[in-house]
Amino acid sequence: MTPPVALTIAGSDSGGGAGIQADLRTFGAFGVFGTSAITAVTAQNTVGVQQVALLDPEIIRSQIISVTSDFDVRCIKTGMLGTAAVVDLIQNLAESHLFAKLVVDPVMVATTGARLISEDARDSYLRLLPFTDLITPNLYETEYLLQTKVTNIHDMQEAARRLCDLGARSALVKGGHREGAYAIDVFYDGTSVKLFQLPKIETCNVHGTGCTLSAAIAAALALGESTVIAIDLAKRYVSSCIAGAVDWKLGSGSGPVNHLAHFDIKKD
């Protein structure tokens, strides 16, 4: 059977654990054909990001148009966009009804602490929200977008509601950076709140988990799943990827997860 198609609009990770590389591996794990529009080229490894070269918005636009004009793209996800101008480009394309479904992972700061977005991008992301089917910020990104502290589950619930009030069709506020034995994410779709939680796995190999989660959600949406089921599948996939790399020793910093770990794509 011909597989469904998904598109990732993100930066390249030369270390292979995150960005475009992680997204395409994730699409493949779900049986989805992956296409890409590269926004930036990074020199990075498990220790950090050494250099970033941002691509011109026009070549980014050309990549997107080339893919969407030829392929039946079921879902688009964004990762590292780099500048406000590129976020505005995505908004303009979404406003023209080019995207069937849009998952926005507002990548702003790498796990290593390197800033991956220009300082003036916040307003652009807020303007993009009304065209977003799902936004998936972590706690730091949520605080940046909403200009408020987010420290507990109640804060996460209120933040998810606020993101939807600002226009997003649904929001998943990721709580993996919180202390505790469970990785708890809070979902809101304008009517109800749902918590997704799985036990944390002790390991330093967690590079690329945010990219992988949003890519897995996009892949499941491309397969026709509902947003809630897509998130559940994605959470379980990321958990299997982390578990599959617990004993890996790739690099001297935060290593990548195992995107090829066994994962049975079945709904509970």
C-alpha atoms as a PDB file:
ATOM      1  CA  MET A   1       0.000   0.000   0.000  1.00  0.00           C
ATOM      2  CA  THR A   2       1.105   3.558  -0.678  1.00  0.00           C
ATOM      3  CA  PRO A   3       2.120   5.141   2.637  1.00  0.00           C
ATOM      4  CA  PRO A   4       0.735   8.490   3.824  1.00  0.00           C
ATOM      5  CA  VAL A   5       3.117  11.443   3.623  1.00  0.00           C
ATOM      6  CA  ALA A   6       4.279  13.799   6.369  1.00  0.00           C
ATOM      7  CA  LEU A   7       6.514  16.865   6.076  1.00  0.00           C
ATOM      8  CA  THR A   8       8.982  18.129   8.653  1.00  0.00           C
ATOM      9  CA  ILE A   9      10.116  21.752   8.534  1.00  0.00           C
ATOM     10  CA  ALA A  10      13.130  21.911  10.827  1.00  0.00           C
ATOM     11  CA  GLY A  11      16.883  22.213  11.207  1.00  0.00           C
ATOM     12  CA  SER A  12      19.497  19.577  10.483  1.00  0.00           C
ATOM     13  CA  ASP A  13      21.366  17.989  13.407  1.00  0.00           C
ATOM     14  CA  SER A  14      24.822  16.848  12.316  1.00  0.00           C
ATOM     15  CA  GLY A  15      24.919  14.563  15.371  1.00  0.00           C
ATOM     16  CA  GLY A  16      21.872  12.735  14.050  1.00  0.00           C
ATOM     17  CA  GLY A  17      19.850  12.642  17.257  1.00  0.00           C
ATOM     18  CA  ALA A  18      17.372  15.480  16.774  1.00  0.00           C
ATOM     19  CA  GLY A  19      15.943  17.755  14.094  1.00  0.00           C
ATOM     20  CA  ILE A  20      15.334  16.569  10.548  1.00  0.00           C
ATOM     21  CA  GLN A  21      17.245  13.333  11.129  1.00  0.00           C
ATOM     22  CA  ALA A  22      15.135  12.326  14.140  1.00  0.00           C
ATOM     23  CA  ASP A  23      11.898  13.345  12.418  1.00  0.00           C
ATOM     24  CA  LEU A  24      12.526  11.252   9.306  1.00  0.00           C
ATOM     25  CA  ARG A  25      13.502   8.185  11.364  1.00  0.00           C
ATOM     26  CA  THR A  26      10.340   8.610  13.412  1.00  0.00           C
ATOM     27  CA  PHE A  27       8.112   8.943  10.347  1.00  0.00           C
ATOM     28  CA  GLY A  28       9.655   5.734   9.006  1.00  0.00           C
ATOM     29  CA  ALA A  29       9.054   3.875  12.268  1.00  0.00           C
ATOM     30  CA  PHE A  30       5.337   4.637  11.887  1.00  0.00           C
ATOM     31  CA  GLY A  31       5.257   3.546   8.254  1.00  0.00           C
ATOM     32  CA  VAL A  32       4.841   7.128   7.059  1.00  0.00           C
ATOM     33  CA  PHE A  33       6.811   8.495   4.098  1.00  0.00           C
ATOM     34  CA  GLY A  34       8.883  11.442   5.297  1.00  0.00           C
ATOM     35  CA  THR A  35       9.628  14.612   3.365  1.00  0.00           C
ATOM     36  CA  SER A  36      11.550  17.639   4.602  1.00  0.00           C
ATOM     37  CA  ALA A  37      12.194  21.348   4.325  1.00  0.00           C
ATOM     38  CA  ILE A  38      15.469  22.287   6.018  1.00  0.00           C
ATOM     39  CA  THR A  39      15.515  25.622   7.834  1.00  0.00           C
ATOM     40  CA  ALA A  40      19.058  25.567   9.210  1.00  0.00           C
ATOM     41  CA  VAL A  41      22.276  23.595   9.202  1.00  0.00           C
ATOM     42  CA  THR A  42      23.816  23.055  12.610  1.00  0.00           C
ATOM     43  CA  ALA A  43      27.232  21.827  13.655  1.00  0.00           C
ATOM     44  CA  GLN A  44      26.355  19.913  16.794  1.00  0.00           C
ATOM     45  CA  ASN A  45      27.058  16.763  18.734  1.00  0.00           C
ATOM     46  CA  THR A  46      26.067  15.271  22.077  1.00  0.00           C
ATOM     47  CA  VAL A  47      27.959  18.004  23.940  1.00  0.00           C
ATOM     48  CA  GLY A  48      26.356  21.048  22.339  1.00  0.00           C
ATOM     49  CA  VAL A  49      25.745  23.230  19.310  1.00  0.00           C
ATOM     50  CA  GLN A  50      28.949  24.683  17.912  1.00  0.00           C
ATOM     51  CA  GLN A  51      27.591  26.630  14.945  1.00  0.00           C
ATOM     52  CA  VAL A  52      24.281  27.422  13.231  1.00  0.00           C
ATOM     53  CA  ALA A  53      23.755  28.565   9.639  1.00  0.00           C
ATOM     54  CA  LEU A  54      20.202  29.772   8.977  1.00  0.00           C
ATOM     55  CA  LEU A  55      18.763  29.337   5.494  1.00  0.00           C
ATOM     56  CA  ASP A  56      17.043  32.124   3.606  1.00  0.00           C
ATOM     57  CA  PRO A  57      13.231  32.081   4.013  1.00  0.00           C
ATOM     58  CA  GLU A  58      12.815  31.939   0.223  1.00  0.00           C
ATOM     59  CA  ILE A  59      14.630  28.601  -0.156  1.00  0.00           C
ATOM     60  CA  ILE A  60      12.649  27.278   2.821  1.00  0.00           C
ATOM     61  CA  ARG A  61       9.447  28.362   1.084  1.00  0.00           C
ATOM     62  CA  SER A  62      10.589  26.726  -2.158  1.00  0.00           C
ATOM     63  CA  GLN A  63      11.233  23.411  -0.403  1.00  0.00           C
ATOM     64  CA  ILE A  64       7.764  23.470   1.157  1.00  0.00           C
ATOM     65  CA  ILE A  65       6.032  24.344  -2.107  1.00  0.00           C
ATOM     66  CA  SER A  66       7.994  21.691  -4.014  1.00  0.00           C
ATOM     67  CA  VAL A  67       6.843  19.001  -1.604  1.00  0.00           C
ATOM     68  CA  THR A  68       3.224  20.082  -1.104  1.00  0.00           C
ATOM     69  CA  SER A  69       2.624  20.693  -4.822  1.00  0.00           C
ATOM     70  CA  ASP A  70       3.588  17.115  -5.683  1.00  0.00           C
ATOM     71  CA  PHE A  71       2.793  14.988  -2.610  1.00  0.00           C
ATOM     72  CA  ASP A  72      -0.478  14.518  -0.746  1.00  0.00           C
ATOM     73  CA  VAL A  73       0.931  15.685   2.583  1.00  0.00           C
ATOM     74  CA  ARG A  74      -1.359  14.593   5.417  1.00  0.00           C
ATOM     75  CA  CYS A  75       0.453  16.375   8.240  1.00  0.00           C
ATOM     76  CA  ILE A  76       3.189  18.985   8.667  1.00  0.00           C
ATOM     77  CA  LYS A  77       5.301  19.459  11.770  1.00  0.00           C
ATOM     78  CA  THR A  78       7.651  22.316  12.499  1.00  0.00           C
ATOM     79  CA  GLY A  79      10.749  22.169  14.636  1.00  0.00           C
ATOM     80  CA  MET A  80      13.601  24.655  14.666  1.00  0.00           C
ATOM     81  CA  LEU A  81      12.512  27.629  12.545  1.00  0.00           C
ATOM     82  CA  GLY A  82      15.326  29.952  13.598  1.00  0.00           C
ATOM     83  CA  THR A  83      13.900  33.411  13.001  1.00  0.00           C
ATOM     84  CA  ALA A  84      10.665  35.356  13.254  1.00  0.00           C
ATOM     85  CA  ALA A  85      10.679  35.697   9.471  1.00  0.00           C
ATOM     86  CA  VAL A  86      10.472  31.922   9.039  1.00  0.00           C
ATOM     87  CA  VAL A  87       7.705  31.617  11.639  1.00  0.00           C
ATOM     88  CA  ASP A  88       5.840  34.329   9.707  1.00  0.00           C
ATOM     89  CA  LEU A  89       6.411  32.352   6.501  1.00  0.00           C
ATOM     90  CA  ILE A  90       4.786  29.278   8.066  1.00  0.00           C
ATOM     91  CA  GLN A  91       1.861  31.404   9.219  1.00  0.00           C
ATOM     92  CA  ASN A  92       1.358  32.845   5.719  1.00  0.00           C
ATOM     93  CA  LEU A  93       1.426  29.383   4.130  1.00  0.00           C
ATOM     94  CA  ALA A  94      -0.944  27.993   6.767  1.00  0.00           C
ATOM     95  CA  GLU A  95      -3.279  30.937   6.265  1.00  0.00           C
ATOM     96  CA  SER A  96      -3.455  30.068   2.559  1.00  0.00           C
ATOM     97  CA  HIS A  97      -4.790  26.597   3.546  1.00  0.00           C
ATOM     98  CA  LEU A  98      -1.666  24.840   2.242  1.00  0.00           C
ATOM     99  CA  PHE A  99      -1.403  22.536   5.265  1.00  0.00           C
ATOM    100  CA  ALA A 100      -3.878  19.754   6.024  1.00  0.00           C
ATOM    101  CA  LYS A 101      -2.786  19.501   9.680  1.00  0.00           C
ATOM    102  CA  LEU A 102      -0.082  21.497  11.447  1.00  0.00           C
ATOM    103  CA  VAL A 103       1.833  20.379  14.544  1.00  0.00           C
ATOM    104  CA  VAL A 104       4.061  23.129  15.944  1.00  0.00           C
ATOM    105  CA  ASP A 105       6.977  22.203  18.174  1.00  0.00           C
ATOM    106  CA  PRO A 106       8.262  25.681  19.138  1.00  0.00           C
ATOM    107  CA  VAL A 107      11.933  24.745  19.354  1.00  0.00           C
ATOM    108  CA  MET A 108      13.694  27.648  21.061  1.00  0.00           C
ATOM    109  CA  VAL A 109      16.466  26.314  23.286  1.00  0.00           C
ATOM    110  CA  ALA A 110      18.450  23.093  22.901  1.00  0.00           C
ATOM    111  CA  THR A 111      18.758  20.735  25.884  1.00  0.00           C
ATOM    112  CA  THR A 112      22.392  21.846  26.048  1.00  0.00           C
ATOM    113  CA  GLY A 113      21.243  25.454  26.577  1.00  0.00           C
ATOM    114  CA  ALA A 114      22.010  26.819  23.100  1.00  0.00           C
ATOM    115  CA  ARG A 115      19.398  29.298  21.853  1.00  0.00           C
ATOM    116  CA  LEU A 116      17.857  28.131  18.558  1.00  0.00           C
ATOM    117  CA  ILE A 117      15.477  31.016  17.802  1.00  0.00           C
ATOM    118  CA  SER A 118      15.848  34.777  17.445  1.00  0.00           C
ATOM    119  CA  GLU A 119      14.736  36.940  20.376  1.00  0.00           C
ATOM    120  CA  ASP A 120      11.905  38.548  18.375  1.00  0.00           C
ATOM    121  CA  ALA A 121      10.098  35.307  17.463  1.00  0.00           C
ATOM    122  CA  ARG A 122       7.584  35.236  20.331  1.00  0.00           C
ATOM    123  CA  ASP A 123       5.006  37.492  18.671  1.00  0.00           C
ATOM    124  CA  SER A 124       5.328  35.519  15.437  1.00  0.00           C
ATOM    125  CA  TYR A 125       4.565  32.270  17.255  1.00  0.00           C
ATOM    126  CA  LEU A 126       1.523  33.853  18.878  1.00  0.00           C
ATOM    127  CA  ARG A 127       0.274  34.909  15.428  1.00  0.00           C
ATOM    128  CA  LEU A 128       0.787  31.326  14.206  1.00  0.00           C
ATOM    129  CA  LEU A 129      -1.379  29.809  16.955  1.00  0.00           C
ATOM    130  CA  PRO A 130      -4.779  30.276  15.196  1.00  0.00           C
ATOM    131  CA  PHE A 131      -3.501  28.099  12.328  1.00  0.00           C
ATOM    132  CA  THR A 132      -2.061  25.390  14.577  1.00  0.00           C
ATOM    133  CA  ASP A 133      -3.807  22.068  15.144  1.00  0.00           C
ATOM    134  CA  LEU A 134      -1.476  21.176  18.024  1.00  0.00           C
ATOM    135  CA  ILE A 135       1.346  23.047  19.745  1.00  0.00           C
ATOM    136  CA  THR A 136       3.792  21.041  21.877  1.00  0.00           C
ATOM    137  CA  PRO A 137       5.942  23.362  24.034  1.00  0.00           C
ATOM    138  CA  ASN A 138       8.061  22.168  26.924  1.00  0.00           C
ATOM    139  CA  LEU A 139       7.962  24.076  30.216  1.00  0.00           C
ATOM    140  CA  TYR A 140      10.654  26.584  29.210  1.00  0.00           C
ATOM    141  CA  GLU A 141       9.000  27.271  25.853  1.00  0.00           C
ATOM    142  CA  THR A 142       5.601  27.605  27.524  1.00  0.00           C
ATOM    143  CA  GLU A 143       6.975  30.168  29.955  1.00  0.00           C
ATOM    144  CA  TYR A 144       8.558  32.095  27.088  1.00  0.00           C
ATOM    145  CA  LEU A 145       5.381  32.112  25.001  1.00  0.00           C
ATOM    146  CA  LEU A 146       3.052  33.063  27.856  1.00  0.00           C
ATOM    147  CA  GLN A 147       5.509  35.142  29.902  1.00  0.00           C
ATOM    148  CA  THR A 148       4.565  33.362  33.117  1.00  0.00           C
ATOM    149  CA  LYS A 149       6.060  30.751  35.429  1.00  0.00           C
ATOM    150  CA  VAL A 150       4.938  27.141  34.953  1.00  0.00           C
ATOM    151  CA  THR A 151       6.007  24.908  37.816  1.00  0.00           C
ATOM    152  CA  ASN A 152       3.224  22.426  38.616  1.00  0.00           C
ATOM    153  CA  ILE A 153       0.373  20.493  37.013  1.00  0.00           C
ATOM    154  CA  HIS A 154      -2.155  23.237  37.722  1.00  0.00           C
ATOM    155  CA  ASP A 155       0.113  25.773  35.987  1.00  0.00           C
ATOM    156  CA  MET A 156       0.451  23.416  33.024  1.00  0.00           C
ATOM    157  CA  GLN A 157      -3.325  23.059  32.763  1.00  0.00           C
ATOM    158  CA  GLU A 158      -3.813  26.821  32.842  1.00  0.00           C
ATOM    159  CA  ALA A 159      -1.053  27.286  30.270  1.00  0.00           C
ATOM    160  CA  ALA A 160      -2.628  24.762  27.898  1.00  0.00           C
ATOM    161  CA  ARG A 161      -5.958  26.594  28.230  1.00  0.00           C
ATOM    162  CA  ARG A 162      -4.305  29.946  27.549  1.00  0.00           C
ATOM    163  CA  LEU A 163      -2.597  28.632  24.409  1.00  0.00           C
ATOM    164  CA  CYS A 164      -5.984  27.501  23.116  1.00  0.00           C
ATOM    165  CA  ASP A 165      -7.567  30.810  24.133  1.00  0.00           C
ATOM    166  CA  LEU A 166      -4.894  32.461  21.975  1.00  0.00           C
ATOM    167  CA  GLY A 167      -6.016  30.423  18.983  1.00  0.00           C
ATOM    168  CA  ALA A 168      -4.443  26.958  19.001  1.00  0.00           C
ATOM    169  CA  ARG A 169      -6.939  24.167  18.330  1.00  0.00           C
ATOM    170  CA  SER A 170      -5.173  22.078  20.973  1.00  0.00           C
ATOM    171  CA  ALA A 171      -2.075  22.252  23.167  1.00  0.00           C
ATOM    172  CA  LEU A 172       0.206  19.701  24.802  1.00  0.00           C
ATOM    173  CA  VAL A 173       2.355  21.231  27.539  1.00  0.00           C
ATOM    174  CA  LYS A 174       5.234  18.827  28.125  1.00  0.00           C
ATOM    175  CA  GLY A 175       6.407  18.283  31.690  1.00  0.00           C
ATOM    176  CA  GLY A 176       9.381  15.995  31.185  1.00  0.00           C
ATOM    177  CA  HIS A 177      11.729  18.538  32.793  1.00  0.00           C
ATOM    178  CA  ARG A 178       9.773  18.509  36.079  1.00  0.00           C
ATOM    179  CA  GLU A 179      11.082  16.587  39.069  1.00  0.00           C
ATOM    180  CA  GLY A 180       9.353  13.320  39.796  1.00  0.00           C
ATOM    181  CA  ALA A 181       9.115   9.682  38.775  1.00  0.00           C
ATOM    182  CA  TYR A 182       6.691  10.326  35.909  1.00  0.00           C
ATOM    183  CA  ALA A 183       6.886  12.343  32.711  1.00  0.00           C
ATOM    184  CA  ILE A 184       3.522  14.112  32.759  1.00  0.00           C
ATOM    185  CA  ASP A 185       2.186  16.077  29.794  1.00  0.00           C
ATOM    186  CA  VAL A 186      -1.028  18.114  29.891  1.00  0.00           C
ATOM    187  CA  PHE A 187      -3.359  18.224  26.874  1.00  0.00           C
ATOM    188  CA  TYR A 188      -6.237  20.621  26.272  1.00  0.00           C
ATOM    189  CA  ASP A 189      -8.429  20.853  23.176  1.00  0.00           C
ATOM    190  CA  GLY A 190     -10.711  23.737  24.063  1.00  0.00           C
ATOM    191  CA  THR A 191     -13.197  21.590  25.979  1.00  0.00           C
ATOM    192  CA  SER A 192     -11.414  19.062  28.181  1.00  0.00           C
ATOM    193  CA  VAL A 193      -8.088  18.426  29.897  1.00  0.00           C
ATOM    194  CA  LYS A 194      -6.256  15.100  29.692  1.00  0.00           C
ATOM    195  CA  LEU A 195      -3.025  14.048  31.381  1.00  0.00           C
ATOM    196  CA  PHE A 196      -0.580  11.716  29.650  1.00  0.00           C
ATOM    197  CA  GLN A 197       1.970  10.117  31.933  1.00  0.00           C
ATOM    198  CA  LEU A 198       4.578   7.375  31.758  1.00  0.00           C
ATOM    199  CA  PRO A 199       7.370   6.422  34.172  1.00  0.00           C
ATOM    200  CA  LYS A 200      10.660   8.208  33.588  1.00  0.00           C
ATOM    201  CA  ILE A 201      13.601   6.080  32.490  1.00  0.00           C
ATOM    202  CA  GLU A 202      16.929   6.869  34.156  1.00  0.00           C
ATOM    203  CA  THR A 203      19.449   7.584  31.397  1.00  0.00           C
ATOM    204  CA  CYS A 204      21.505  10.419  29.961  1.00  0.00           C
ATOM    205  CA  ASN A 205      20.531   9.403  26.416  1.00  0.00           C
ATOM    206  CA  VAL A 206      17.573  11.720  25.853  1.00  0.00           C
ATOM    207  CA  HIS A 207      18.802  13.978  23.050  1.00  0.00           C
ATOM    208  CA  GLY A 208      16.036  14.556  20.505  1.00  0.00           C
ATOM    209  CA  THR A 209      13.072  13.415  22.591  1.00  0.00           C
ATOM    210  CA  GLY A 210      11.087  16.610  21.944  1.00  0.00           C
ATOM    211  CA  CYS A 211      11.575  16.399  18.183  1.00  0.00           C
ATOM    212  CA  THR A 212      10.772  12.702  18.268  1.00  0.00           C
ATOM    213  CA  LEU A 213       7.531  13.188  20.208  1.00  0.00           C
ATOM    214  CA  SER A 214       6.141  15.867  17.880  1.00  0.00           C
ATOM    215  CA  ALA A 215       7.221  13.885  14.809  1.00  0.00           C
ATOM    216  CA  ALA A 216       5.512  10.763  16.162  1.00  0.00           C
ATOM    217  CA  ILE A 217       2.313  12.741  16.778  1.00  0.00           C
ATOM    218  CA  ALA A 218       2.472  14.083  13.222  1.00  0.00           C
ATOM    219  CA  ALA A 219       3.029  10.589  11.844  1.00  0.00           C
ATOM    220  CA  ALA A 220       0.030   9.197  13.728  1.00  0.00           C
ATOM    221  CA  LEU A 221      -2.116  12.114  12.528  1.00  0.00           C
ATOM    222  CA  ALA A 222      -0.979  11.390   8.965  1.00  0.00           C
ATOM    223  CA  LEU A 223      -2.198   7.827   9.509  1.00  0.00           C
ATOM    224  CA  GLY A 224      -5.633   9.220  10.345  1.00  0.00           C
ATOM    225  CA  GLU A 225      -5.595   8.903  14.122  1.00  0.00           C
ATOM    226  CA  SER A 226      -7.310  11.407  16.410  1.00  0.00           C
ATOM    227  CA  THR A 227      -5.102  13.862  18.287  1.00  0.00           C
ATOM    228  CA  VAL A 228      -5.578  12.078  21.638  1.00  0.00           C
ATOM    229  CA  ILE A 229      -4.682   8.676  20.194  1.00  0.00           C
ATOM    230  CA  ALA A 230      -1.764  10.208  18.274  1.00  0.00           C
ATOM    231  CA  ILE A 231      -0.347  11.650  21.503  1.00  0.00           C
ATOM    232  CA  ASP A 232      -0.765   8.347  23.339  1.00  0.00           C
ATOM    233  CA  LEU A 233       1.030   6.449  20.557  1.00  0.00           C
ATOM    234  CA  ALA A 234       3.764   9.081  20.413  1.00  0.00           C
ATOM    235  CA  LYS A 235       4.366   8.998  24.178  1.00  0.00           C
ATOM    236  CA  ARG A 236       4.723   5.231  24.136  1.00  0.00           C
ATOM    237  CA  TYR A 237       6.999   5.368  21.086  1.00  0.00           C
ATOM    238  CA  VAL A 238       9.333   7.894  22.731  1.00  0.00           C
ATOM    239  CA  SER A 239       9.433   5.761  25.877  1.00  0.00           C
ATOM    240  CA  SER A 240      10.472   2.746  23.803  1.00  0.00           C
ATOM    241  CA  CYS A 241      13.140   4.845  22.041  1.00  0.00           C
ATOM    242  CA  ILE A 242      14.594   5.950  25.390  1.00  0.00           C
ATOM    243  CA  ALA A 243      14.507   2.409  26.796  1.00  0.00           C
ATOM    244  CA  GLY A 244      16.182   1.113  23.648  1.00  0.00           C
ATOM    245  CA  ALA A 245      19.200   3.386  24.117  1.00  0.00           C
ATOM    246  CA  VAL A 246      19.745   3.120  27.890  1.00  0.00           C
ATOM    247  CA  ASP A 247      23.042   1.244  27.466  1.00  0.00           C
ATOM    248  CA  TRP A 248      24.278   3.179  24.426  1.00  0.00           C
ATOM    249  CA  LYS A 249      27.534   5.103  24.689  1.00  0.00           C
ATOM    250  CA  LEU A 250      27.414   7.415  21.691  1.00  0.00           C
ATOM    251  CA  GLY A 251      29.341  10.623  22.291  1.00  0.00           C
ATOM    252  CA  SER A 252      30.415  12.108  25.600  1.00  0.00           C
ATOM    253  CA  GLY A 253      27.309  14.175  26.387  1.00  0.00           C
ATOM    254  CA  SER A 254      23.560  13.638  26.187  1.00  0.00           C
ATOM    255  CA  GLY A 255      23.301  10.776  23.721  1.00  0.00           C
ATOM    256  CA  PRO A 256      20.532  10.099  21.196  1.00  0.00           C
ATOM    257  CA  VAL A 257      17.552   7.815  21.668  1.00  0.00           C
ATOM    258  CA  ASN A 258      17.046   4.641  19.644  1.00  0.00           C
ATOM    259  CA  HIS A 259      14.511   5.480  16.923  1.00  0.00           C
ATOM    260  CA  LEU A 260      14.695   1.906  15.647  1.00  0.00           C
ATOM    261  CA  ALA A 261      13.783   0.282  18.960  1.00  0.00           C
ATOM    262  CA  HIS A 262      10.903  -2.179  18.709  1.00  0.00           C
ATOM    263  CA  PHE A 263       7.571  -0.437  18.966  1.00  0.00           C
ATOM    264  CA  ASP A 264       4.205  -2.059  18.319  1.00  0.00           C
ATOM    265  CA  ILE A 265       1.966   0.640  16.813  1.00  0.00           C
ATOM    266  CA  LYS A 266      -1.305  -0.512  18.326  1.00  0.00           C
ATOM    267  CA  LYS A 267      -3.973   1.502  20.067  1.00  0.00           C
ATOM    268  CA  ASP A 268      -4.786   0.437  23.627  1.00  0.00           C
END
